[in-house]
Amino acid sequence: LCDLGSFGIAPAFLAWAFVLHNHGFLGVVVAIFFAICGMWRLARFNVNASVVHGYFMGLAIPAGGNIVAMTTLLFVELGVDPMTFGIAYPIVMAFVGWLMVSHVHYPNFKGDGAEPIYLISKIVALVLFLAILWLGHASLLAALAVALFSTYAVLGIVNSLLASFAKKG
């Protein structure tokens, strides 16, 4: 319940207070969807703990919650108004929520090697990491947090896509 409150409900409420309230019903749906996905992620993790080894199935809720919270902090510190991006903020937040309940494989970095990390995934993650740091250099600590969690999210997506192509070919 602590993880749900800290990484599911609190970031959803923060995003609501920051920008989602400007999107009316869509903002309400996205905030609730994010929190529910966090709850579902935690429940599935506990049920699958003895079955899934070597990777996380879906984005871990601390990573998802931190993407939302740290992006909000970065926008505030840089003076970025997310309303200038239209509905991109709620769409990205809903996508992060979906990643938590997806079947995308994320490395657990415990060294058991169950899931290979492809070189292309590492390169994409590195480029994204550096780009976020460069764009957010005026608020380096917040940019570092956004870069860390966002690149982890993208690494899992790219790596899972490459793994599915490798299995088919």
Protein backbone atom coordinates (compact mmCIF):
# COMPACT_ATOMS: atom_id res chain seq x y z
CA LEU A 1 0.00 0.00 0.00
CA CYS A 2 2.92 2.35 0.63
CA ASP A 3 4.16 1.90 -2.95
CA LEU A 4 0.66 2.49 -4.29
CA GLY A 5 0.36 5.72 -2.32
CA SER A 6 3.87 6.95 -3.06
CA PHE A 7 4.25 5.95 -6.71
CA GLY A 8 0.66 5.60 -7.93
CA ILE A 9 -1.73 7.94 -6.15
CA ALA A 10 0.67 10.77 -5.24
CA PRO A 11 2.06 11.25 -8.78
CA ALA A 12 -1.48 11.06 -10.21
CA PHE A 13 -2.63 13.75 -7.76
CA LEU A 14 0.48 15.84 -8.46
CA ALA A 15 -0.15 15.63 -12.21
CA TRP A 16 -3.80 16.52 -11.62
CA ALA A 17 -2.87 19.59 -9.58
CA PHE A 18 -0.16 20.58 -12.08
CA VAL A 19 -1.89 20.23 -15.43
CA LEU A 20 -4.48 17.47 -15.75
CA HIS A 21 -7.22 19.60 -14.17
CA ASN A 22 -7.02 21.77 -17.31
CA HIS A 23 -8.07 18.79 -19.42
CA GLY A 24 -11.43 18.28 -17.72
CA PHE A 25 -12.85 14.76 -17.91
CA LEU A 26 -9.79 13.49 -19.82
CA GLY A 27 -7.58 14.67 -16.94
CA VAL A 28 -9.74 12.86 -14.39
CA VAL A 29 -9.68 9.65 -16.44
CA VAL A 30 -5.89 9.77 -16.91
CA ALA A 31 -5.19 10.42 -13.20
CA ILE A 32 -7.47 7.56 -12.12
CA PHE A 33 -6.14 5.29 -14.90
CA PHE A 34 -2.55 5.88 -13.77
CA ALA A 35 -3.34 5.06 -10.13
CA ILE A 36 -5.32 1.93 -11.10
CA CYS A 37 -2.49 0.75 -13.37
CA GLY A 38 -0.10 1.20 -10.44
CA MET A 39 -2.38 -0.89 -8.23
CA TRP A 40 -2.70 -3.57 -10.92
CA ARG A 41 1.10 -3.58 -11.42
CA LEU A 42 1.74 -4.16 -7.73
CA ALA A 43 -0.87 -6.93 -7.50
CA ARG A 44 0.52 -8.69 -10.58
CA PHE A 45 4.08 -8.38 -9.31
CA ASN A 46 3.18 -10.07 -6.03
CA VAL A 47 1.28 -12.86 -7.78
CA ASN A 48 4.02 -13.48 -10.38
CA ALA A 49 7.03 -13.13 -8.05
CA SER A 50 7.69 -16.87 -8.07
CA VAL A 51 7.04 -17.24 -11.83
CA VAL A 52 8.85 -14.33 -13.52
CA HIS A 53 12.64 -14.38 -13.12
CA GLY A 54 15.42 -12.31 -14.68
CA TYR A 55 13.24 -9.38 -15.68
CA PHE A 56 10.29 -7.28 -14.59
CA MET A 57 7.06 -7.75 -16.51
CA GLY A 58 5.92 -4.19 -17.09
CA LEU A 59 7.48 -0.99 -15.87
CA ALA A 60 8.03 -1.03 -12.11
CA ILE A 61 5.70 1.36 -10.29
CA PRO A 62 8.58 3.36 -8.73
CA ALA A 63 9.87 4.09 -12.23
CA GLY A 64 6.40 5.03 -13.52
CA GLY A 65 5.66 7.26 -10.55
CA ASN A 66 9.04 8.94 -10.79
CA ILE A 67 8.61 9.65 -14.50
CA VAL A 68 5.43 11.58 -13.71
CA ALA A 69 6.70 13.29 -10.56
CA MET A 70 10.15 14.22 -11.84
CA THR A 71 8.82 15.46 -15.18
CA THR A 72 6.48 17.73 -13.25
CA LEU A 73 9.40 18.99 -11.15
CA LEU A 74 11.52 19.54 -14.26
CA PHE A 75 8.74 21.47 -16.00
CA VAL A 76 8.20 23.65 -12.92
CA GLU A 77 11.91 24.38 -12.50
CA LEU A 78 12.38 25.17 -16.20
CA GLY A 79 9.18 27.22 -16.39
CA VAL A 80 7.69 24.95 -19.06
CA ASP A 81 3.91 25.15 -19.44
CA PRO A 82 2.78 21.63 -20.43
CA MET A 83 -0.44 23.09 -21.85
CA THR A 84 1.64 24.30 -24.81
CA PHE A 85 1.95 20.63 -25.81
CA GLY A 86 -1.83 20.18 -25.97
CA ILE A 87 -2.94 16.73 -24.88
CA ALA A 88 0.58 15.27 -25.07
CA TYR A 89 0.99 15.30 -21.26
CA PRO A 90 -2.13 13.21 -20.52
CA ILE A 91 -1.34 10.87 -23.42
CA VAL A 92 2.22 10.27 -22.22
CA MET A 93 1.03 9.83 -18.64
CA ALA A 94 -1.58 7.28 -19.74
CA PHE A 95 1.10 5.50 -21.78
CA VAL A 96 3.38 5.31 -18.72
CA GLY A 97 0.45 3.87 -16.76
CA TRP A 98 -0.11 1.30 -19.49
CA LEU A 99 3.60 0.39 -19.46
CA MET A 100 3.24 -0.62 -15.82
CA VAL A 101 0.64 -3.26 -16.70
CA SER A 102 2.09 -4.22 -20.08
CA HIS A 103 4.04 -7.36 -20.88
CA VAL A 104 7.13 -5.36 -21.84
CA HIS A 105 10.19 -6.94 -20.24
CA TYR A 106 12.42 -4.65 -18.20
CA PRO A 107 15.87 -5.73 -17.01
CA ASN A 108 16.17 -6.25 -13.29
CA PHE A 109 19.98 -5.77 -13.34
CA LYS A 110 20.50 -8.57 -10.81
CA GLY A 111 22.99 -10.29 -13.09
CA ASP A 112 21.08 -13.51 -13.68
CA GLY A 113 21.10 -12.82 -17.43
CA ALA A 114 17.64 -14.12 -18.22
CA GLU A 115 16.97 -11.29 -20.67
CA PRO A 116 19.72 -10.04 -23.02
CA ILE A 117 20.03 -6.28 -23.44
CA TYR A 118 20.69 -5.52 -27.11
CA LEU A 119 23.30 -2.98 -28.17
CA ILE A 120 20.74 -0.97 -30.14
CA SER A 121 18.63 -0.64 -26.97
CA LYS A 122 21.64 0.66 -25.07
CA ILE A 123 22.46 3.19 -27.80
CA VAL A 124 18.87 4.48 -27.98
CA ALA A 125 18.78 4.78 -24.19
CA LEU A 126 22.12 6.60 -24.09
CA VAL A 127 21.08 9.08 -26.79
CA LEU A 128 17.77 9.77 -25.01
CA PHE A 129 19.54 10.12 -21.65
CA LEU A 130 22.00 12.66 -23.04
CA ALA A 131 19.26 14.55 -24.89
CA ILE A 132 17.18 14.93 -21.73
CA LEU A 133 20.23 16.10 -19.77
CA TRP A 134 21.09 18.59 -22.51
CA LEU A 135 17.53 19.96 -22.75
CA GLY A 136 17.13 20.15 -18.97
CA HIS A 137 20.64 21.30 -18.04
CA ALA A 138 19.26 24.40 -16.28
CA SER A 139 17.77 22.06 -13.67
CA LEU A 140 20.32 19.27 -13.70
CA LEU A 141 19.10 17.22 -10.74
CA ALA A 142 15.51 17.03 -12.00
CA ALA A 143 16.75 16.39 -15.56
CA LEU A 144 18.95 13.56 -14.28
CA ALA A 145 16.00 11.90 -12.56
CA VAL A 146 13.77 12.29 -15.63
CA ALA A 147 16.56 10.97 -17.86
CA LEU A 148 17.21 7.97 -15.63
CA PHE A 149 13.62 6.76 -15.37
CA SER A 150 12.56 7.71 -18.91
CA THR A 151 15.50 5.96 -20.52
CA TYR A 152 14.77 2.86 -18.47
CA ALA A 153 11.19 2.92 -19.77
CA VAL A 154 12.36 3.33 -23.37
CA LEU A 155 15.11 0.72 -22.97
CA GLY A 156 12.50 -1.89 -22.05
CA ILE A 157 10.28 -1.01 -25.00
CA VAL A 158 13.09 -1.09 -27.57
CA ASN A 159 14.68 -4.20 -26.07
CA SER A 160 11.35 -6.07 -26.00
CA LEU A 161 10.69 -5.15 -29.64
CA LEU A 162 14.16 -6.34 -30.65
CA ALA A 163 13.70 -9.57 -28.68
CA SER A 164 10.39 -10.27 -30.40
CA PHE A 165 12.00 -9.70 -33.83
CA ALA A 166 14.93 -11.95 -32.87
CA LYS A 167 12.55 -14.76 -31.86
CA LYS A 168 10.62 -14.49 -35.13
CA GLY A 169 13.76 -14.36 -37.31
